[in-house]
Amino acid sequence: MADNNRFSPPASPTSSVGSSFSRDNDANRLSRQDSKNDSRLTATAKRQKYLKRLFKFRQMDFEYAFWQMIYLFVAPQKVYRNFQYRKHTKDQWARDDPAFLVLLSFWLIASSIGFALVLGLTFVGFLKFILWVVLVDCVGVGLLIATLFWFITNKYMILAPPRGQDVEWGYAFDVHLNAFFPLLMILHLFQLIFLLPLINQDHFIGLLIGNTFWLVAIFYYIYITFLGYSALPFLRNTRTLLFPLTGVILLYILSLVIGWNFSRGLCNFYHYRVT
């Protein structure tokens, strides 16, 4: 005891109480800081965590991902409310569960099978078609669009001062996937029923139906993209993302006037790419 007293400084009762509170406050602050550091992973760490879960199907919430897909058609605003909830609970906007991507891949393959049957592709042509749709139409174009929006929003649309907030690239890619799903279903699945008997025929009704499918699909893509970025409270002027709708409507009217069938052009393009 004498040795211990020699190495320990004397403390009054008040200083003991004060130091106790100080230690508790420091411990709580460090605990909160550690928790925050754990949740605020670097982009590389988040990507590695996401990729590790890509083939762990039992850990994926497919029911929730399917719910998101349904509501992207009927009420896409609700989907982005859940993104806001993820930000509050996990301190990130981007998905950490790859279930949506896995289900989207399933729909890509299923719709590609239907599209290949309607187009009369050979088995080799079908494999080429799937690779084109997955690697180019979805992933390749998605990487370009996500990177473009990530750059534009962080460069020109962040509120000043930024206060350390920015648009995550993973979230930009999630916005693309959300917007791409209705477009895929409309152009690669719903349209198939009308493709051969109506749309690819030489009459105005087929032209009108086919190009209207395109109008609705692109409208969904632009609108869901707008909702994705307008859900971020630190972005400004997000309504400018709706401006391309005017050009799309004008192009739609022009295509009906000059007889430009978008769906037939797409079918010819796919035939050219896989043969």
C-alpha atoms as a PDB file:
ATOM      1  CA  MET A   1       0.000   0.000   0.000  1.00  0.00           C
ATOM      2  CA  ALA A   2       2.852   2.374   0.818  1.00  0.00           C
ATOM      3  CA  ASP A   3       4.441   1.712  -2.569  1.00  0.00           C
ATOM      4  CA  ASN A   4       1.155   2.352  -4.325  1.00  0.00           C
ATOM      5  CA  ASN A   5       0.620   5.613  -2.459  1.00  0.00           C
ATOM      6  CA  ARG A   6       4.093   6.714  -3.373  1.00  0.00           C
ATOM      7  CA  PHE A   7       3.420   6.342  -7.113  1.00  0.00           C
ATOM      8  CA  SER A   8      -0.197   7.611  -7.063  1.00  0.00           C
ATOM      9  CA  PRO A   9      -0.797  11.392  -6.704  1.00  0.00           C
ATOM     10  CA  PRO A  10      -3.137  12.432  -3.901  1.00  0.00           C
ATOM     11  CA  ALA A  11      -6.622  13.377  -4.968  1.00  0.00           C
ATOM     12  CA  SER A  12      -9.303  15.345  -3.192  1.00  0.00           C
ATOM     13  CA  PRO A  13     -12.909  14.117  -3.199  1.00  0.00           C
ATOM     14  CA  THR A  14     -13.975  16.861  -5.628  1.00  0.00           C
ATOM     15  CA  SER A  15     -11.147  16.191  -8.012  1.00  0.00           C
ATOM     16  CA  SER A  16     -11.923  12.491  -7.848  1.00  0.00           C
ATOM     17  CA  VAL A  17     -15.544  13.094  -8.797  1.00  0.00           C
ATOM     18  CA  GLY A  18     -14.550  15.535 -11.541  1.00  0.00           C
ATOM     19  CA  SER A  19     -11.976  13.172 -12.979  1.00  0.00           C
ATOM     20  CA  SER A  20     -14.513  10.352 -12.876  1.00  0.00           C
ATOM     21  CA  PHE A  21     -16.976  12.399 -14.914  1.00  0.00           C
ATOM     22  CA  SER A  22     -14.173  13.431 -17.241  1.00  0.00           C
ATOM     23  CA  ARG A  23     -13.120   9.821 -17.775  1.00  0.00           C
ATOM     24  CA  ASP A  24     -16.719   8.777 -18.435  1.00  0.00           C
ATOM     25  CA  ASN A  25     -17.207  11.585 -20.933  1.00  0.00           C
ATOM     26  CA  ASP A  26     -13.953  10.756 -22.664  1.00  0.00           C
ATOM     27  CA  ALA A  27     -14.872   7.084 -22.801  1.00  0.00           C
ATOM     28  CA  ASN A  28     -18.297   7.861 -24.254  1.00  0.00           C
ATOM     29  CA  ARG A  29     -16.817  10.239 -26.787  1.00  0.00           C
ATOM     30  CA  LEU A  30     -14.210   7.707 -27.863  1.00  0.00           C
ATOM     31  CA  SER A  31     -16.873   5.013 -28.084  1.00  0.00           C
ATOM     32  CA  ARG A  32     -19.035   7.180 -30.325  1.00  0.00           C
ATOM     33  CA  GLN A  33     -16.006   8.105 -32.413  1.00  0.00           C
ATOM     34  CA  ASP A  34     -15.016   4.447 -32.830  1.00  0.00           C
ATOM     35  CA  SER A  35     -18.575   3.568 -33.816  1.00  0.00           C
ATOM     36  CA  LYS A  36     -18.635   6.396 -36.331  1.00  0.00           C
ATOM     37  CA  ASN A  37     -15.274   5.358 -37.755  1.00  0.00           C
ATOM     38  CA  ASP A  38     -16.514   1.794 -38.124  1.00  0.00           C
ATOM     39  CA  SER A  39     -19.587   2.937 -40.063  1.00  0.00           C
ATOM     40  CA  ARG A  40     -17.736   5.504 -42.192  1.00  0.00           C
ATOM     41  CA  LEU A  41     -15.661   3.059 -44.153  1.00  0.00           C
ATOM     42  CA  THR A  42     -13.558   4.161 -47.066  1.00  0.00           C
ATOM     43  CA  ALA A  43     -14.929   3.662 -50.579  1.00  0.00           C
ATOM     44  CA  THR A  44     -12.516   0.736 -51.088  1.00  0.00           C
ATOM     45  CA  ALA A  45     -13.599  -0.936 -47.842  1.00  0.00           C
ATOM     46  CA  LYS A  46     -17.270  -0.510 -48.727  1.00  0.00           C
ATOM     47  CA  ARG A  47     -16.678  -1.982 -52.173  1.00  0.00           C
ATOM     48  CA  GLN A  48     -14.803  -4.961 -50.763  1.00  0.00           C
ATOM     49  CA  LYS A  49     -17.547  -5.563 -48.200  1.00  0.00           C
ATOM     50  CA  TYR A  50     -20.184  -5.385 -50.944  1.00  0.00           C
ATOM     51  CA  LEU A  51     -18.301  -7.782 -53.249  1.00  0.00           C
ATOM     52  CA  LYS A  52     -17.741 -10.275 -50.428  1.00  0.00           C
ATOM     53  CA  ARG A  53     -21.505 -10.510 -49.942  1.00  0.00           C
ATOM     54  CA  LEU A  54     -22.207 -10.885 -53.667  1.00  0.00           C
ATOM     55  CA  PHE A  55     -22.316 -14.692 -53.551  1.00  0.00           C
ATOM     56  CA  LYS A  56     -23.616 -15.119 -49.999  1.00  0.00           C
ATOM     57  CA  PHE A  57     -27.251 -15.509 -50.993  1.00  0.00           C
ATOM     58  CA  ARG A  58     -28.437 -16.511 -47.520  1.00  0.00           C
ATOM     59  CA  GLN A  59     -27.353 -13.127 -46.189  1.00  0.00           C
ATOM     60  CA  MET A  60     -29.284 -11.180 -48.835  1.00  0.00           C
ATOM     61  CA  ASP A  61     -32.697  -9.665 -48.259  1.00  0.00           C
ATOM     62  CA  PHE A  62     -34.404 -10.652 -51.521  1.00  0.00           C
ATOM     63  CA  GLU A  63     -37.854  -9.853 -50.177  1.00  0.00           C
ATOM     64  CA  TYR A  64     -36.858  -6.255 -49.564  1.00  0.00           C
ATOM     65  CA  ALA A  65     -35.137  -6.024 -52.971  1.00  0.00           C
ATOM     66  CA  PHE A  66     -38.282  -7.344 -54.676  1.00  0.00           C
ATOM     67  CA  TRP A  67     -40.356  -4.782 -52.756  1.00  0.00           C
ATOM     68  CA  GLN A  68     -38.064  -2.061 -54.109  1.00  0.00           C
ATOM     69  CA  MET A  69     -38.537  -3.292 -57.676  1.00  0.00           C
ATOM     70  CA  ILE A  70     -42.321  -3.178 -57.374  1.00  0.00           C
ATOM     71  CA  TYR A  71     -42.313   0.295 -55.861  1.00  0.00           C
ATOM     72  CA  LEU A  72     -39.947   1.620 -58.521  1.00  0.00           C
ATOM     73  CA  PHE A  73     -42.975   1.269 -60.802  1.00  0.00           C
ATOM     74  CA  VAL A  74     -45.814   2.348 -58.524  1.00  0.00           C
ATOM     75  CA  ALA A  75     -44.226   4.764 -56.006  1.00  0.00           C
ATOM     76  CA  PRO A  76     -40.472   5.311 -56.503  1.00  0.00           C
ATOM     77  CA  GLN A  77     -40.443   8.054 -53.844  1.00  0.00           C
ATOM     78  CA  LYS A  78     -40.873   5.375 -51.161  1.00  0.00           C
ATOM     79  CA  VAL A  79     -37.751   3.577 -52.364  1.00  0.00           C
ATOM     80  CA  TYR A  80     -35.616   6.655 -51.783  1.00  0.00           C
ATOM     81  CA  ARG A  81     -37.137   7.224 -48.371  1.00  0.00           C
ATOM     82  CA  ASN A  82     -35.565   3.907 -47.448  1.00  0.00           C
ATOM     83  CA  PHE A  83     -32.221   5.136 -48.792  1.00  0.00           C
ATOM     84  CA  GLN A  84     -32.532   8.064 -46.385  1.00  0.00           C
ATOM     85  CA  TYR A  85     -33.250   5.616 -43.562  1.00  0.00           C
ATOM     86  CA  ARG A  86     -30.085   3.677 -44.471  1.00  0.00           C
ATOM     87  CA  LYS A  87     -28.084   6.885 -44.217  1.00  0.00           C
ATOM     88  CA  HIS A  88     -29.351   7.450 -40.660  1.00  0.00           C
ATOM     89  CA  THR A  89     -28.763   3.858 -39.553  1.00  0.00           C
ATOM     90  CA  LYS A  90     -25.602   2.844 -41.444  1.00  0.00           C
ATOM     91  CA  ASP A  91     -24.142   6.237 -42.323  1.00  0.00           C
ATOM     92  CA  GLN A  92     -24.034   5.554 -46.050  1.00  0.00           C
ATOM     93  CA  TRP A  93     -26.403   6.230 -48.929  1.00  0.00           C
ATOM     94  CA  ALA A  94     -25.384   3.350 -51.192  1.00  0.00           C
ATOM     95  CA  ARG A  95     -26.729  -0.182 -50.807  1.00  0.00           C
ATOM     96  CA  ASP A  96     -24.667  -2.577 -48.732  1.00  0.00           C
ATOM     97  CA  ASP A  97     -26.814  -5.565 -49.740  1.00  0.00           C
ATOM     98  CA  PRO A  98     -26.289  -6.868 -53.329  1.00  0.00           C
ATOM     99  CA  ALA A  99     -29.729  -8.553 -53.426  1.00  0.00           C
ATOM    100  CA  PHE A 100     -31.117  -5.899 -55.793  1.00  0.00           C
ATOM    101  CA  LEU A 101     -28.236  -6.411 -58.225  1.00  0.00           C
ATOM    102  CA  VAL A 102     -28.678 -10.201 -58.133  1.00  0.00           C
ATOM    103  CA  LEU A 103     -32.421  -9.920 -58.840  1.00  0.00           C
ATOM    104  CA  LEU A 104     -31.739  -7.411 -61.600  1.00  0.00           C
ATOM    105  CA  SER A 105     -29.302  -9.887 -63.175  1.00  0.00           C
ATOM    106  CA  PHE A 106     -32.024 -12.529 -63.082  1.00  0.00           C
ATOM    107  CA  TRP A 107     -34.466 -10.232 -64.890  1.00  0.00           C
ATOM    108  CA  LEU A 108     -31.767  -9.336 -67.399  1.00  0.00           C
ATOM    109  CA  ILE A 109     -31.251 -12.994 -68.276  1.00  0.00           C
ATOM    110  CA  ALA A 110     -34.978 -13.816 -68.295  1.00  0.00           C
ATOM    111  CA  SER A 111     -35.880 -10.868 -70.527  1.00  0.00           C
ATOM    112  CA  SER A 112     -32.918 -11.624 -72.786  1.00  0.00           C
ATOM    113  CA  ILE A 113     -34.202 -15.163 -73.286  1.00  0.00           C
ATOM    114  CA  GLY A 114     -37.600 -13.800 -74.328  1.00  0.00           C
ATOM    115  CA  PHE A 115     -36.038 -11.191 -76.582  1.00  0.00           C
ATOM    116  CA  ALA A 116     -33.752 -13.783 -78.211  1.00  0.00           C
ATOM    117  CA  LEU A 117     -36.725 -16.085 -78.903  1.00  0.00           C
ATOM    118  CA  VAL A 118     -38.701 -13.281 -80.509  1.00  0.00           C
ATOM    119  CA  LEU A 119     -35.719 -12.260 -82.625  1.00  0.00           C
ATOM    120  CA  GLY A 120     -35.031 -15.888 -83.594  1.00  0.00           C
ATOM    121  CA  LEU A 121     -31.391 -15.864 -82.461  1.00  0.00           C
ATOM    122  CA  THR A 122     -29.186 -18.937 -82.538  1.00  0.00           C
ATOM    123  CA  PHE A 123     -27.729 -20.283 -79.303  1.00  0.00           C
ATOM    124  CA  VAL A 124     -24.390 -18.601 -79.974  1.00  0.00           C
ATOM    125  CA  GLY A 125     -26.223 -15.416 -80.894  1.00  0.00           C
ATOM    126  CA  PHE A 126     -28.209 -15.697 -77.668  1.00  0.00           C
ATOM    127  CA  LEU A 127     -25.003 -15.945 -75.597  1.00  0.00           C
ATOM    128  CA  LYS A 128     -23.571 -12.923 -77.394  1.00  0.00           C
ATOM    129  CA  PHE A 129     -26.835 -11.084 -76.831  1.00  0.00           C
ATOM    130  CA  ILE A 130     -26.807 -11.762 -73.071  1.00  0.00           C
ATOM    131  CA  LEU A 131     -23.196 -10.647 -72.773  1.00  0.00           C
ATOM    132  CA  TRP A 132     -24.011  -7.463 -74.670  1.00  0.00           C
ATOM    133  CA  VAL A 133     -27.072  -6.651 -72.570  1.00  0.00           C
ATOM    134  CA  VAL A 134     -25.365  -7.370 -69.229  1.00  0.00           C
ATOM    135  CA  LEU A 135     -21.851  -6.049 -69.839  1.00  0.00           C
ATOM    136  CA  VAL A 136     -22.630  -3.132 -72.162  1.00  0.00           C
ATOM    137  CA  ASP A 137     -26.254  -2.018 -71.769  1.00  0.00           C
ATOM    138  CA  CYS A 138     -26.420  -2.413 -68.003  1.00  0.00           C
ATOM    139  CA  VAL A 139     -22.932  -2.405 -66.493  1.00  0.00           C
ATOM    140  CA  GLY A 140     -20.875  -0.512 -69.081  1.00  0.00           C
ATOM    141  CA  VAL A 141     -23.388   2.252 -69.736  1.00  0.00           C
ATOM    142  CA  GLY A 142     -24.208   2.304 -66.025  1.00  0.00           C
ATOM    143  CA  LEU A 143     -20.562   2.901 -65.091  1.00  0.00           C
ATOM    144  CA  LEU A 144     -20.354   5.809 -67.525  1.00  0.00           C
ATOM    145  CA  ILE A 145     -23.653   7.388 -66.425  1.00  0.00           C
ATOM    146  CA  ALA A 146     -22.947   6.911 -62.712  1.00  0.00           C
ATOM    147  CA  THR A 147     -19.484   8.437 -63.075  1.00  0.00           C
ATOM    148  CA  LEU A 148     -20.888  11.363 -65.074  1.00  0.00           C
ATOM    149  CA  PHE A 149     -23.598  12.133 -62.500  1.00  0.00           C
ATOM    150  CA  TRP A 150     -21.153  11.585 -59.632  1.00  0.00           C
ATOM    151  CA  PHE A 151     -18.811  14.182 -61.146  1.00  0.00           C
ATOM    152  CA  ILE A 152     -21.526  16.718 -62.059  1.00  0.00           C
ATOM    153  CA  THR A 153     -23.327  16.568 -58.711  1.00  0.00           C
ATOM    154  CA  ASN A 154     -20.133  16.832 -56.656  1.00  0.00           C
ATOM    155  CA  LYS A 155     -18.686  19.553 -58.876  1.00  0.00           C
ATOM    156  CA  TYR A 156     -21.686  21.798 -59.496  1.00  0.00           C
ATOM    157  CA  MET A 157     -24.636  20.842 -57.274  1.00  0.00           C
ATOM    158  CA  ILE A 158     -23.219  20.568 -53.742  1.00  0.00           C
ATOM    159  CA  LEU A 159     -24.583  23.204 -51.369  1.00  0.00           C
ATOM    160  CA  ALA A 160     -21.997  25.697 -50.171  1.00  0.00           C
ATOM    161  CA  PRO A 161     -20.307  25.188 -47.832  1.00  0.00           C
ATOM    162  CA  PRO A 162     -20.134  21.400 -48.493  1.00  0.00           C
ATOM    163  CA  ARG A 163     -19.488  20.513 -44.801  1.00  0.00           C
ATOM    164  CA  GLY A 164     -17.781  17.282 -45.744  1.00  0.00           C
ATOM    165  CA  GLN A 165     -20.801  15.880 -47.618  1.00  0.00           C
ATOM    166  CA  ASP A 166     -20.533  14.451 -51.092  1.00  0.00           C
ATOM    167  CA  VAL A 167     -22.321  12.060 -53.435  1.00  0.00           C
ATOM    168  CA  GLU A 168     -21.007   8.523 -53.078  1.00  0.00           C
ATOM    169  CA  TRP A 169     -20.116   6.865 -56.372  1.00  0.00           C
ATOM    170  CA  GLY A 170     -21.829   3.704 -55.158  1.00  0.00           C
ATOM    171  CA  TYR A 171     -25.022   5.681 -54.593  1.00  0.00           C
ATOM    172  CA  ALA A 172     -24.781   7.142 -58.123  1.00  0.00           C
ATOM    173  CA  PHE A 173     -24.548   3.590 -59.484  1.00  0.00           C
ATOM    174  CA  ASP A 174     -27.513   2.531 -57.330  1.00  0.00           C
ATOM    175  CA  VAL A 175     -29.546   5.388 -58.805  1.00  0.00           C
ATOM    176  CA  HIS A 176     -28.702   4.101 -62.281  1.00  0.00           C
ATOM    177  CA  LEU A 177     -29.732   0.545 -61.364  1.00  0.00           C
ATOM    178  CA  ASN A 178     -33.006   1.822 -59.890  1.00  0.00           C
ATOM    179  CA  ALA A 179     -33.770   3.794 -63.049  1.00  0.00           C
ATOM    180  CA  PHE A 180     -32.583   1.014 -65.360  1.00  0.00           C
ATOM    181  CA  PHE A 181     -34.912  -1.640 -63.948  1.00  0.00           C
ATOM    182  CA  PRO A 182     -38.235  -0.124 -65.179  1.00  0.00           C
ATOM    183  CA  LEU A 183     -36.590   0.707 -68.520  1.00  0.00           C
ATOM    184  CA  LEU A 184     -35.436  -2.905 -68.863  1.00  0.00           C
ATOM    185  CA  MET A 185     -38.839  -4.347 -68.016  1.00  0.00           C
ATOM    186  CA  ILE A 186     -40.701  -2.000 -70.366  1.00  0.00           C
ATOM    187  CA  LEU A 187     -38.420  -2.392 -73.394  1.00  0.00           C
ATOM    188  CA  HIS A 188     -37.268  -6.002 -72.948  1.00  0.00           C
ATOM    189  CA  LEU A 189     -40.331  -7.658 -71.432  1.00  0.00           C
ATOM    190  CA  PHE A 190     -43.614  -5.748 -71.733  1.00  0.00           C
ATOM    191  CA  GLN A 191     -42.862  -4.697 -75.304  1.00  0.00           C
ATOM    192  CA  LEU A 192     -42.217  -8.281 -76.460  1.00  0.00           C
ATOM    193  CA  ILE A 193     -45.942  -9.059 -76.632  1.00  0.00           C
ATOM    194  CA  PHE A 194     -46.441  -6.397 -79.298  1.00  0.00           C
ATOM    195  CA  LEU A 195     -43.073  -6.594 -81.069  1.00  0.00           C
ATOM    196  CA  LEU A 196     -43.768  -9.018 -83.912  1.00  0.00           C
ATOM    197  CA  PRO A 197     -47.529  -8.604 -84.483  1.00  0.00           C
ATOM    198  CA  LEU A 198     -47.583  -4.798 -84.295  1.00  0.00           C
ATOM    199  CA  ILE A 199     -44.426  -2.826 -83.601  1.00  0.00           C
ATOM    200  CA  ASN A 200     -42.181  -4.252 -86.318  1.00  0.00           C
ATOM    201  CA  GLN A 201     -44.873  -3.932 -88.998  1.00  0.00           C
ATOM    202  CA  ASP A 202     -45.048  -1.151 -91.591  1.00  0.00           C
ATOM    203  CA  HIS A 203     -47.963   0.833 -90.241  1.00  0.00           C
ATOM    204  CA  PHE A 204     -48.455   3.846 -88.026  1.00  0.00           C
ATOM    205  CA  ILE A 205     -50.100   1.935 -85.147  1.00  0.00           C
ATOM    206  CA  GLY A 206     -46.975  -0.188 -84.686  1.00  0.00           C
ATOM    207  CA  LEU A 207     -44.793   2.913 -84.831  1.00  0.00           C
ATOM    208  CA  LEU A 208     -46.981   4.677 -82.261  1.00  0.00           C
ATOM    209  CA  ILE A 209     -47.043   1.738 -79.831  1.00  0.00           C
ATOM    210  CA  GLY A 210     -43.325   1.010 -80.083  1.00  0.00           C
ATOM    211  CA  ASN A 211     -42.175   4.597 -79.703  1.00  0.00           C
ATOM    212  CA  THR A 212     -44.631   5.146 -76.851  1.00  0.00           C
ATOM    213  CA  PHE A 213     -42.987   2.257 -75.001  1.00  0.00           C
ATOM    214  CA  TRP A 214     -39.677   4.078 -75.449  1.00  0.00           C
ATOM    215  CA  LEU A 215     -41.163   7.360 -74.257  1.00  0.00           C
ATOM    216  CA  VAL A 216     -42.511   5.785 -71.059  1.00  0.00           C
ATOM    217  CA  ALA A 217     -39.282   3.862 -70.408  1.00  0.00           C
ATOM    218  CA  ILE A 218     -37.048   6.919 -70.797  1.00  0.00           C
ATOM    219  CA  PHE A 219     -39.488   9.007 -68.738  1.00  0.00           C
ATOM    220  CA  TYR A 220     -39.155   6.468 -65.908  1.00  0.00           C
ATOM    221  CA  TYR A 221     -35.359   6.544 -66.184  1.00  0.00           C
ATOM    222  CA  ILE A 222     -35.111  10.334 -66.027  1.00  0.00           C
ATOM    223  CA  TYR A 223     -37.728  10.732 -63.299  1.00  0.00           C
ATOM    224  CA  ILE A 224     -36.255   8.029 -61.024  1.00  0.00           C
ATOM    225  CA  THR A 225     -32.785   9.502 -61.562  1.00  0.00           C
ATOM    226  CA  PHE A 226     -34.155  12.906 -60.527  1.00  0.00           C
ATOM    227  CA  LEU A 227     -35.745  11.397 -57.397  1.00  0.00           C
ATOM    228  CA  GLY A 228     -32.465   9.726 -56.492  1.00  0.00           C
ATOM    229  CA  TYR A 229     -30.477  12.935 -56.425  1.00  0.00           C
ATOM    230  CA  SER A 230     -33.252  15.131 -55.050  1.00  0.00           C
ATOM    231  CA  ALA A 231     -33.360  12.781 -52.031  1.00  0.00           C
ATOM    232  CA  LEU A 232     -29.898  14.048 -51.045  1.00  0.00           C
ATOM    233  CA  PRO A 233     -30.432  17.084 -48.773  1.00  0.00           C
ATOM    234  CA  PHE A 234     -27.055  18.620 -49.611  1.00  0.00           C
ATOM    235  CA  LEU A 235     -27.685  18.987 -53.373  1.00  0.00           C
ATOM    236  CA  ARG A 236     -29.193  22.035 -55.060  1.00  0.00           C
ATOM    237  CA  ASN A 237     -30.918  22.633 -58.403  1.00  0.00           C
ATOM    238  CA  THR A 238     -31.801  18.953 -58.798  1.00  0.00           C
ATOM    239  CA  ARG A 239     -34.834  19.921 -60.922  1.00  0.00           C
ATOM    240  CA  THR A 240     -32.425  20.570 -63.774  1.00  0.00           C
ATOM    241  CA  LEU A 241     -32.155  16.784 -64.085  1.00  0.00           C
ATOM    242  CA  LEU A 242     -35.716  16.822 -65.453  1.00  0.00           C
ATOM    243  CA  PHE A 243     -34.843  19.171 -68.330  1.00  0.00           C
ATOM    244  CA  PRO A 244     -33.967  16.314 -70.764  1.00  0.00           C
ATOM    245  CA  LEU A 245     -37.668  15.296 -70.670  1.00  0.00           C
ATOM    246  CA  THR A 246     -38.454  18.216 -72.983  1.00  0.00           C
ATOM    247  CA  GLY A 247     -35.972  16.961 -75.560  1.00  0.00           C
ATOM    248  CA  VAL A 248     -37.293  13.412 -75.233  1.00  0.00           C
ATOM    249  CA  ILE A 249     -40.880  14.541 -75.906  1.00  0.00           C
ATOM    250  CA  LEU A 250     -39.786  16.586 -78.940  1.00  0.00           C
ATOM    251  CA  LEU A 251     -37.798  13.618 -80.273  1.00  0.00           C
ATOM    252  CA  TYR A 252     -40.831  11.372 -79.743  1.00  0.00           C
ATOM    253  CA  ILE A 253     -43.067  13.704 -81.764  1.00  0.00           C
ATOM    254  CA  LEU A 254     -40.420  14.030 -84.491  1.00  0.00           C
ATOM    255  CA  SER A 255     -40.051  10.236 -84.717  1.00  0.00           C
ATOM    256  CA  LEU A 256     -43.794   9.867 -85.331  1.00  0.00           C
ATOM    257  CA  VAL A 257     -43.688  12.517 -88.046  1.00  0.00           C
ATOM    258  CA  ILE A 258     -40.746  11.036 -89.971  1.00  0.00           C
ATOM    259  CA  GLY A 259     -41.618   7.377 -89.249  1.00  0.00           C
ATOM    260  CA  TRP A 260     -38.545   6.519 -87.174  1.00  0.00           C
ATOM    261  CA  ASN A 261     -39.311   3.247 -85.386  1.00  0.00           C
ATOM    262  CA  PHE A 262     -37.027   3.019 -82.338  1.00  0.00           C
ATOM    263  CA  SER A 263     -37.889  -0.607 -81.564  1.00  0.00           C
ATOM    264  CA  ARG A 264     -37.191  -1.823 -85.076  1.00  0.00           C
ATOM    265  CA  GLY A 265     -33.901   0.049 -85.008  1.00  0.00           C
ATOM    266  CA  LEU A 266     -33.023  -1.670 -81.718  1.00  0.00           C
ATOM    267  CA  CYS A 267     -33.833  -5.103 -83.153  1.00  0.00           C
ATOM    268  CA  ASN A 268     -31.697  -4.424 -86.238  1.00  0.00           C
ATOM    269  CA  PHE A 269     -28.863  -3.229 -84.030  1.00  0.00           C
ATOM    270  CA  TYR A 270     -28.987  -6.379 -81.885  1.00  0.00           C
ATOM    271  CA  HIS A 271     -29.035  -8.587 -84.982  1.00  0.00           C
ATOM    272  CA  TYR A 272     -25.968  -6.745 -86.275  1.00  0.00           C
ATOM    273  CA  ARG A 273     -24.109  -7.112 -82.961  1.00  0.00           C
ATOM    274  CA  VAL A 274     -24.711 -10.866 -82.425  1.00  0.00           C
ATOM    275  CA  THR A 275     -24.420 -12.214 -85.974  1.00  0.00           C
END
